Amino acid sequence: MGSNGWYGLLGYHFATITTDETLNASSYGNEDITGYQVGIGQRIDKFKYELSYSDFEDISLSSTGGGTNSITADADAITFRLSIGF
């Protein structure tokens, strides 16, 4: 993008949430989620820095078996990276 080493970042995420939790009479399954990533960065000589945001679908797991427990989560992330190359 433009000059001075600026660049944009776009991405697509696919992840499988795998659970190993097993309670006395119930257990949880796995769930596939997707998300996107946007960011901006700049490279100057040997240095590079980048700021990005990732937004995933909400995670919702329900137990099977004896209980009616459920787990919900909102998995989002803000990332800052700094790199030095030689």
PDB file of N, CA and C in Angstrom:
ATOM      1  N   MET A   1       0.850  -1.180   0.000  1.00  0.00           N
ATOM      2  CA  MET A   1       0.000   0.000   0.000  1.00  0.00           C
ATOM      3  C   MET A   1       0.892   1.239   0.000  1.00  0.00           C
ATOM      4  N   GLY A   2       0.792   2.026  -0.968  1.00  0.00           N
ATOM      5  CA  GLY A   2       1.529   3.273  -0.995  1.00  0.00           C
ATOM      6  C   GLY A   2       3.032   3.092  -0.926  1.00  0.00           C
ATOM      7  N   SER A   3       3.658   3.963  -0.173  1.00  0.00           N
ATOM      8  CA  SER A   3       5.121   3.923  -0.073  1.00  0.00           C
ATOM      9  C   SER A   3       5.541   3.712   1.379  1.00  0.00           C
ATOM     10  N   ASN A   4       6.815   3.763   1.606  1.00  0.00           N
ATOM     11  CA  ASN A   4       7.402   3.631   2.948  1.00  0.00           C
ATOM     12  C   ASN A   4       7.201   2.261   3.569  1.00  0.00           C
ATOM     13  N   GLY A   5       7.001   1.215   2.773  1.00  0.00           N
ATOM     14  CA  GLY A   5       6.936  -0.148   3.293  1.00  0.00           C
ATOM     15  C   GLY A   5       5.636  -0.568   3.950  1.00  0.00           C
ATOM     16  N   TRP A   6       4.577   0.183   3.820  1.00  0.00           N
ATOM     17  CA  TRP A   6       3.282  -0.182   4.423  1.00  0.00           C
ATOM     18  C   TRP A   6       2.641  -1.336   3.658  1.00  0.00           C
ATOM     19  N   TYR A   7       1.939  -2.208   4.364  1.00  0.00           N
ATOM     20  CA  TYR A   7       1.209  -3.302   3.730  1.00  0.00           C
ATOM     21  C   TYR A   7      -0.034  -3.637   4.549  1.00  0.00           C
ATOM     22  N   GLY A   8      -0.996  -4.269   3.887  1.00  0.00           N
ATOM     23  CA  GLY A   8      -2.221  -4.723   4.534  1.00  0.00           C
ATOM     24  C   GLY A   8      -2.212  -6.238   4.679  1.00  0.00           C
ATOM     25  N   LEU A   9      -3.012  -6.731   5.587  1.00  0.00           N
ATOM     26  CA  LEU A   9      -3.084  -8.162   5.862  1.00  0.00           C
ATOM     27  C   LEU A   9      -4.544  -8.581   5.913  1.00  0.00           C
ATOM     28  N   LEU A  10      -4.890  -9.608   5.140  1.00  0.00           N
ATOM     29  CA  LEU A  10      -6.225 -10.210   5.171  1.00  0.00           C
ATOM     30  C   LEU A  10      -6.042 -11.717   5.314  1.00  0.00           C
ATOM     31  N   GLY A  11      -6.872 -12.349   6.112  1.00  0.00           N
ATOM     32  CA  GLY A  11      -6.731 -13.788   6.290  1.00  0.00           C
ATOM     33  C   GLY A  11      -8.052 -14.449   6.641  1.00  0.00           C
ATOM     34  N   TYR A  12      -8.077 -15.753   6.465  1.00  0.00           N
ATOM     35  CA  TYR A  12      -9.236 -16.582   6.786  1.00  0.00           C
ATOM     36  C   TYR A  12      -8.756 -17.701   7.701  1.00  0.00           C
ATOM     37  N   HIS A  13      -9.464 -17.936   8.790  1.00  0.00           N
ATOM     38  CA  HIS A  13      -9.090 -18.970   9.759  1.00  0.00           C
ATOM     39  C   HIS A  13     -10.102 -20.117   9.723  1.00  0.00           C
ATOM     40  N   PHE A  14      -9.602 -21.317   9.903  1.00  0.00           N
ATOM     41  CA  PHE A  14     -10.439 -22.498  10.110  1.00  0.00           C
ATOM     42  C   PHE A  14      -9.799 -23.277  11.247  1.00  0.00           C
ATOM     43  N   ALA A  15     -10.573 -23.552  12.286  1.00  0.00           N
ATOM     44  CA  ALA A  15     -10.025 -24.262  13.452  1.00  0.00           C
ATOM     45  C   ALA A  15     -11.034 -25.280  13.960  1.00  0.00           C
ATOM     46  N   THR A  16     -10.525 -26.354  14.529  1.00  0.00           N
ATOM     47  CA  THR A  16     -11.357 -27.356  15.179  1.00  0.00           C
ATOM     48  C   THR A  16     -11.115 -27.272  16.678  1.00  0.00           C
ATOM     49  N   ILE A  17     -12.171 -27.029  17.427  1.00  0.00           N
ATOM     50  CA  ILE A  17     -12.103 -27.006  18.889  1.00  0.00           C
ATOM     51  C   ILE A  17     -12.284 -28.449  19.346  1.00  0.00           C
ATOM     52  N   THR A  18     -11.236 -29.019  19.916  1.00  0.00           N
ATOM     53  CA  THR A  18     -11.245 -30.412  20.351  1.00  0.00           C
ATOM     54  C   THR A  18     -11.318 -30.452  21.870  1.00  0.00           C
ATOM     55  N   THR A  19     -12.279 -31.188  22.391  1.00  0.00           N
ATOM     56  CA  THR A  19     -12.425 -31.281  23.845  1.00  0.00           C
ATOM     57  C   THR A  19     -12.060 -32.679  24.321  1.00  0.00           C
ATOM     58  N   ASP A  20     -11.381 -32.723  25.447  1.00  0.00           N
ATOM     59  CA  ASP A  20     -11.023 -33.989  26.078  1.00  0.00           C
ATOM     60  C   ASP A  20     -11.786 -34.163  27.394  1.00  0.00           C
ATOM     61  N   GLU A  21     -12.592 -33.176  27.741  1.00  0.00           N
ATOM     62  CA  GLU A  21     -13.302 -33.177  29.018  1.00  0.00           C
ATOM     63  C   GLU A  21     -14.391 -34.237  29.040  1.00  0.00           C
ATOM     64  N   THR A  22     -14.373 -35.071  30.060  1.00  0.00           N
ATOM     65  CA  THR A  22     -15.433 -36.050  30.280  1.00  0.00           C
ATOM     66  C   THR A  22     -15.816 -35.978  31.753  1.00  0.00           C
ATOM     67  N   LEU A  23     -17.057 -35.670  32.013  1.00  0.00           N
ATOM     68  CA  LEU A  23     -17.543 -35.600  33.386  1.00  0.00           C
ATOM     69  C   LEU A  23     -18.126 -36.953  33.784  1.00  0.00           C
ATOM     70  N   ASN A  24     -18.631 -37.049  34.994  1.00  0.00           N
ATOM     71  CA  ASN A  24     -19.153 -38.329  35.503  1.00  0.00           C
ATOM     72  C   ASN A  24     -20.123 -39.006  34.545  1.00  0.00           C
ATOM     73  N   ALA A  25     -21.114 -38.257  34.076  1.00  0.00           N
ATOM     74  CA  ALA A  25     -22.136 -38.887  33.238  1.00  0.00           C
ATOM     75  C   ALA A  25     -22.306 -38.183  31.894  1.00  0.00           C
ATOM     76  N   SER A  26     -21.431 -37.241  31.576  1.00  0.00           N
ATOM     77  CA  SER A  26     -21.603 -36.514  30.320  1.00  0.00           C
ATOM     78  C   SER A  26     -20.241 -36.163  29.720  1.00  0.00           C
ATOM     79  N   SER A  27     -20.269 -35.797  28.436  1.00  0.00           N
ATOM     80  CA  SER A  27     -19.044 -35.381  27.747  1.00  0.00           C
ATOM     81  C   SER A  27     -19.404 -34.321  26.708  1.00  0.00           C
ATOM     82  N   TYR A  28     -18.380 -33.663  26.185  1.00  0.00           N
ATOM     83  CA  TYR A  28     -18.575 -32.612  25.193  1.00  0.00           C
ATOM     84  C   TYR A  28     -17.980 -33.048  23.860  1.00  0.00           C
ATOM     85  N   GLY A  29     -18.595 -32.624  22.789  1.00  0.00           N
ATOM     86  CA  GLY A  29     -18.087 -32.935  21.457  1.00  0.00           C
ATOM     87  C   GLY A  29     -17.120 -31.875  20.976  1.00  0.00           C
ATOM     88  N   ASN A  30     -16.752 -31.931  19.716  1.00  0.00           N
ATOM     89  CA  ASN A  30     -15.852 -30.972  19.088  1.00  0.00           C
ATOM     90  C   ASN A  30     -16.657 -30.040  18.189  1.00  0.00           C
ATOM     91  N   GLU A  31     -16.064 -28.901  17.829  1.00  0.00           N
ATOM     92  CA  GLU A  31     -16.757 -27.963  16.954  1.00  0.00           C
ATOM     93  C   GLU A  31     -15.763 -27.319  16.002  1.00  0.00           C
ATOM     94  N   ASP A  32     -16.151 -27.179  14.743  1.00  0.00           N
ATOM     95  CA  ASP A  32     -15.358 -26.471  13.745  1.00  0.00           C
ATOM     96  C   ASP A  32     -15.818 -25.016  13.709  1.00  0.00           C
ATOM     97  N   ILE A  33     -14.867 -24.095  13.738  1.00  0.00           N
ATOM     98  CA  ILE A  33     -15.203 -22.678  13.660  1.00  0.00           C
ATOM     99  C   ILE A  33     -14.359 -22.020  12.577  1.00  0.00           C
ATOM    100  N   THR A  34     -14.840 -20.895  12.077  1.00  0.00           N
ATOM    101  CA  THR A  34     -14.109 -20.106  11.089  1.00  0.00           C
ATOM    102  C   THR A  34     -13.988 -18.679  11.590  1.00  0.00           C
ATOM    103  N   GLY A  35     -13.136 -17.923  10.947  1.00  0.00           N
ATOM    104  CA  GLY A  35     -12.964 -16.527  11.318  1.00  0.00           C
ATOM    105  C   GLY A  35     -12.181 -15.787  10.253  1.00  0.00           C
ATOM    106  N   TYR A  36     -11.985 -14.510  10.502  1.00  0.00           N
ATOM    107  CA  TYR A  36     -11.235 -13.689   9.560  1.00  0.00           C
ATOM    108  C   TYR A  36     -10.173 -12.889  10.317  1.00  0.00           C
ATOM    109  N   GLN A  37      -9.212 -12.370   9.567  1.00  0.00           N
ATOM    110  CA  GLN A  37      -8.143 -11.562  10.144  1.00  0.00           C
ATOM    111  C   GLN A  37      -7.897 -10.353   9.258  1.00  0.00           C
ATOM    112  N   VAL A  38      -7.736  -9.189   9.858  1.00  0.00           N
ATOM    113  CA  VAL A  38      -7.370  -7.966   9.153  1.00  0.00           C
ATOM    114  C   VAL A  38      -6.224  -7.312   9.911  1.00  0.00           C
ATOM    115  N   GLY A  39      -5.357  -6.652   9.171  1.00  0.00           N
ATOM    116  CA  GLY A  39      -4.243  -6.006   9.843  1.00  0.00           C
ATOM    117  C   GLY A  39      -3.504  -5.050   8.937  1.00  0.00           C
ATOM    118  N   ILE A  40      -2.565  -4.364   9.540  1.00  0.00           N
ATOM    119  CA  ILE A  40      -1.724  -3.422   8.822  1.00  0.00           C
ATOM    120  C   ILE A  40      -0.312  -3.516   9.411  1.00  0.00           C
ATOM    121  N   GLY A  41       0.680  -3.277   8.575  1.00  0.00           N
ATOM    122  CA  GLY A  41       2.051  -3.346   9.043  1.00  0.00           C
ATOM    123  C   GLY A  41       2.962  -2.469   8.215  1.00  0.00           C
ATOM    124  N   GLN A  42       4.218  -2.389   8.675  1.00  0.00           N
ATOM    125  CA  GLN A  42       5.205  -1.609   7.949  1.00  0.00           C
ATOM    126  C   GLN A  42       6.569  -2.271   8.085  1.00  0.00           C
ATOM    127  N   ARG A  43       7.304  -2.294   6.974  1.00  0.00           N
ATOM    128  CA  ARG A  43       8.673  -2.811   6.950  1.00  0.00           C
ATOM    129  C   ARG A  43       9.616  -1.636   6.667  1.00  0.00           C
ATOM    130  N   ILE A  44      10.589  -1.471   7.584  1.00  0.00           N
ATOM    131  CA  ILE A  44      11.589  -0.420   7.440  1.00  0.00           C
ATOM    132  C   ILE A  44      12.957  -1.056   7.623  1.00  0.00           C
ATOM    133  N   ASP A  45      13.716  -1.139   6.553  1.00  0.00           N
ATOM    134  CA  ASP A  45      15.041  -1.780   6.564  1.00  0.00           C
ATOM    135  C   ASP A  45      14.930  -3.194   7.138  1.00  0.00           C
ATOM    136  N   LYS A  46      15.573  -3.463   8.284  1.00  0.00           N
ATOM    137  CA  LYS A  46      15.568  -4.798   8.900  1.00  0.00           C
ATOM    138  C   LYS A  46      14.416  -4.997   9.885  1.00  0.00           C
ATOM    139  N   PHE A  47      13.629  -3.985  10.098  1.00  0.00           N
ATOM    140  CA  PHE A  47      12.560  -4.042  11.097  1.00  0.00           C
ATOM    141  C   PHE A  47      11.191  -4.159  10.435  1.00  0.00           C
ATOM    142  N   LYS A  48      10.312  -4.891  11.083  1.00  0.00           N
ATOM    143  CA  LYS A  48       8.934  -5.030  10.608  1.00  0.00           C
ATOM    144  C   LYS A  48       8.022  -5.079  11.826  1.00  0.00           C
ATOM    145  N   TYR A  49       6.939  -4.326  11.781  1.00  0.00           N
ATOM    146  CA  TYR A  49       5.930  -4.414  12.834  1.00  0.00           C
ATOM    147  C   TYR A  49       4.557  -4.533  12.192  1.00  0.00           C
ATOM    148  N   GLU A  50       3.659  -5.171  12.939  1.00  0.00           N
ATOM    149  CA  GLU A  50       2.347  -5.506  12.381  1.00  0.00           C
ATOM    150  C   GLU A  50       1.317  -5.540  13.501  1.00  0.00           C
ATOM    151  N   LEU A  51       0.147  -4.986  13.247  1.00  0.00           N
ATOM    152  CA  LEU A  51      -0.982  -5.024  14.173  1.00  0.00           C
ATOM    153  C   LEU A  51      -2.150  -5.667  13.447  1.00  0.00           C
ATOM    154  N   SER A  52      -2.754  -6.707  14.052  1.00  0.00           N
ATOM    155  CA  SER A  52      -3.869  -7.390  13.393  1.00  0.00           C
ATOM    156  C   SER A  52      -4.950  -7.773  14.407  1.00  0.00           C
ATOM    157  N   TYR A  53      -6.137  -8.004  13.876  1.00  0.00           N
ATOM    158  CA  TYR A  53      -7.303  -8.398  14.666  1.00  0.00           C
ATOM    159  C   TYR A  53      -7.908  -9.647  14.040  1.00  0.00           C
ATOM    160  N   SER A  54      -8.176 -10.662  14.857  1.00  0.00           N
ATOM    161  CA  SER A  54      -8.828 -11.895  14.401  1.00  0.00           C
ATOM    162  C   SER A  54     -10.158 -12.048  15.107  1.00  0.00           C
ATOM    163  N   ASP A  55     -11.201 -12.358  14.357  1.00  0.00           N
ATOM    164  CA  ASP A  55     -12.545 -12.548  14.900  1.00  0.00           C
ATOM    165  C   ASP A  55     -13.048 -13.920  14.474  1.00  0.00           C
ATOM    166  N   PHE A  56     -13.333 -14.770  15.447  1.00  0.00           N
ATOM    167  CA  PHE A  56     -13.846 -16.109  15.195  1.00  0.00           C
ATOM    168  C   PHE A  56     -15.336 -16.174  15.516  1.00  0.00           C
ATOM    169  N   GLU A  57     -16.004 -17.185  14.959  1.00  0.00           N
ATOM    170  CA  GLU A  57     -17.390 -17.451  15.322  1.00  0.00           C
ATOM    171  C   GLU A  57     -17.465 -17.753  16.815  1.00  0.00           C
ATOM    172  N   ASP A  58     -18.622 -17.528  17.410  1.00  0.00           N
ATOM    173  CA  ASP A  58     -18.810 -17.905  18.802  1.00  0.00           C
ATOM    174  C   ASP A  58     -18.771 -19.420  18.933  1.00  0.00           C
ATOM    175  N   ILE A  59     -18.228 -19.888  20.051  1.00  0.00           N
ATOM    176  CA  ILE A  59     -18.128 -21.323  20.314  1.00  0.00           C
ATOM    177  C   ILE A  59     -19.227 -21.704  21.291  1.00  0.00           C
ATOM    178  N   SER A  60     -19.966 -22.753  20.973  1.00  0.00           N
ATOM    179  CA  SER A  60     -21.039 -23.223  21.843  1.00  0.00           C
ATOM    180  C   SER A  60     -21.022 -24.751  21.867  1.00  0.00           C
ATOM    181  N   LEU A  61     -20.719 -25.308  23.028  1.00  0.00           N
ATOM    182  CA  LEU A  61     -20.677 -26.761  23.202  1.00  0.00           C
ATOM    183  C   LEU A  61     -21.684 -27.166  24.260  1.00  0.00           C
ATOM    184  N   SER A  62     -22.448 -28.207  23.990  1.00  0.00           N
ATOM    185  CA  SER A  62     -23.412 -28.737  24.953  1.00  0.00           C
ATOM    186  C   SER A  62     -23.025 -30.161  25.305  1.00  0.00           C
ATOM    187  N   SER A  63     -23.238 -30.510  26.558  1.00  0.00           N
ATOM    188  CA  SER A  63     -22.871 -31.853  27.002  1.00  0.00           C
ATOM    189  C   SER A  63     -23.887 -32.880  26.530  1.00  0.00           C
ATOM    190  N   THR A  64     -23.411 -34.095  26.367  1.00  0.00           N
ATOM    191  CA  THR A  64     -24.288 -35.214  26.044  1.00  0.00           C
ATOM    192  C   THR A  64     -24.204 -36.214  27.187  1.00  0.00           C
ATOM    193  N   GLY A  65     -25.223 -36.923  27.386  1.00  0.00           N
ATOM    194  CA  GLY A  65     -25.229 -37.896  28.473  1.00  0.00           C
ATOM    195  C   GLY A  65     -26.129 -37.438  29.605  1.00  0.00           C
ATOM    196  N   GLY A  66     -25.651 -37.566  30.836  1.00  0.00           N
ATOM    197  CA  GLY A  66     -26.471 -37.331  32.019  1.00  0.00           C
ATOM    198  C   GLY A  66     -26.758 -35.896  32.367  1.00  0.00           C
ATOM    199  N   GLY A  67     -25.955 -34.931  31.936  1.00  0.00           N
ATOM    200  CA  GLY A  67     -26.169 -33.551  32.352  1.00  0.00           C
ATOM    201  C   GLY A  67     -26.606 -32.662  31.218  1.00  0.00           C
ATOM    202  N   THR A  68     -26.982 -31.432  31.568  1.00  0.00           N
ATOM    203  CA  THR A  68     -27.366 -30.454  30.554  1.00  0.00           C
ATOM    204  C   THR A  68     -26.456 -29.233  30.663  1.00  0.00           C
ATOM    205  N   ASN A  69     -25.185 -29.459  30.757  1.00  0.00           N
ATOM    206  CA  ASN A  69     -24.221 -28.371  30.853  1.00  0.00           C
ATOM    207  C   ASN A  69     -23.903 -27.826  29.470  1.00  0.00           C
ATOM    208  N   SER A  70     -23.523 -26.551  29.429  1.00  0.00           N
ATOM    209  CA  SER A  70     -23.112 -25.961  28.156  1.00  0.00           C
ATOM    210  C   SER A  70     -21.954 -25.000  28.396  1.00  0.00           C
ATOM    211  N   ILE A  71     -21.155 -24.819  27.357  1.00  0.00           N
ATOM    212  CA  ILE A  71     -20.014 -23.916  27.390  1.00  0.00           C
ATOM    213  C   ILE A  71     -20.138 -22.985  26.196  1.00  0.00           C
ATOM    214  N   THR A  72     -19.970 -21.684  26.427  1.00  0.00           N
ATOM    215  CA  THR A  72     -19.950 -20.719  25.331  1.00  0.00           C
ATOM    216  C   THR A  72     -18.696 -19.863  25.463  1.00  0.00           C
ATOM    217  N   ALA A  73     -18.158 -19.451  24.333  1.00  0.00           N
ATOM    218  CA  ALA A  73     -16.957 -18.606  24.335  1.00  0.00           C
ATOM    219  C   ALA A  73     -16.945 -17.733  23.095  1.00  0.00           C
ATOM    220  N   ASP A  74     -16.338 -16.572  23.222  1.00  0.00           N
ATOM    221  CA  ASP A  74     -16.152 -15.649  22.111  1.00  0.00           C
ATOM    222  C   ASP A  74     -14.650 -15.521  21.904  1.00  0.00           C
ATOM    223  N   ALA A  75     -14.115 -16.147  20.875  1.00  0.00           N
ATOM    224  CA  ALA A  75     -12.672 -16.210  20.647  1.00  0.00           C
ATOM    225  C   ALA A  75     -12.242 -15.142  19.651  1.00  0.00           C
ATOM    226  N   ASP A  76     -11.749 -14.031  20.157  1.00  0.00           N
ATOM    227  CA  ASP A  76     -11.216 -12.959  19.336  1.00  0.00           C
ATOM    228  C   ASP A  76      -9.801 -12.666  19.827  1.00  0.00           C
ATOM    229  N   ALA A  77      -8.959 -12.088  18.958  1.00  0.00           N
ATOM    230  CA  ALA A  77      -7.573 -11.809  19.349  1.00  0.00           C
ATOM    231  C   ALA A  77      -7.054 -10.561  18.658  1.00  0.00           C
ATOM    232  N   ILE A  78      -6.275  -9.785  19.400  1.00  0.00           N
ATOM    233  CA  ILE A  78      -5.528  -8.665  18.848  1.00  0.00           C
ATOM    234  C   ILE A  78      -4.050  -9.042  18.975  1.00  0.00           C
ATOM    235  N   THR A  79      -3.313  -8.898  17.883  1.00  0.00           N
ATOM    236  CA  THR A  79      -1.910  -9.318  17.859  1.00  0.00           C
ATOM    237  C   THR A  79      -1.018  -8.176  17.408  1.00  0.00           C
ATOM    238  N   PHE A  80       0.102  -8.004  18.114  1.00  0.00           N
ATOM    239  CA  PHE A  80       1.138  -7.069  17.693  1.00  0.00           C
ATOM    240  C   PHE A  80       2.421  -7.864  17.531  1.00  0.00           C
ATOM    241  N   ARG A  81       3.056  -7.749  16.369  1.00  0.00           N
ATOM    242  CA  ARG A  81       4.296  -8.480  16.094  1.00  0.00           C
ATOM    243  C   ARG A  81       5.398  -7.497  15.739  1.00  0.00           C
ATOM    244  N   LEU A  82       6.581  -7.785  16.245  1.00  0.00           N
ATOM    245  CA  LEU A  82       7.760  -7.003  15.936  1.00  0.00           C
ATOM    246  C   LEU A  82       8.847  -7.972  15.491  1.00  0.00           C
ATOM    247  N   SER A  83       9.441  -7.717  14.331  1.00  0.00           N
ATOM    248  CA  SER A  83      10.468  -8.610  13.789  1.00  0.00           C
ATOM    249  C   SER A  83      11.715  -7.823  13.439  1.00  0.00           C
ATOM    250  N   ILE A  84      12.868  -8.472  13.653  1.00  0.00           N
ATOM    251  CA  ILE A  84      14.154  -7.901  13.264  1.00  0.00           C
ATOM    252  C   ILE A  84      14.869  -8.945  12.419  1.00  0.00           C
ATOM    253  N   GLY A  85      15.188  -8.612  11.191  1.00  0.00           N
ATOM    254  CA  GLY A  85      15.872  -9.546  10.292  1.00  0.00           C
ATOM    255  C   GLY A  85      17.298  -9.106  10.035  1.00  0.00           C
ATOM    256  N   PHE A  86      18.182 -10.051   9.847  1.00  0.00           N
ATOM    257  CA  PHE A  86      19.595  -9.741   9.602  1.00  0.00           C
ATOM    258  C   PHE A  86      20.008 -10.169   8.220  1.00  0.00           C
TER     259      PHE A  86
END
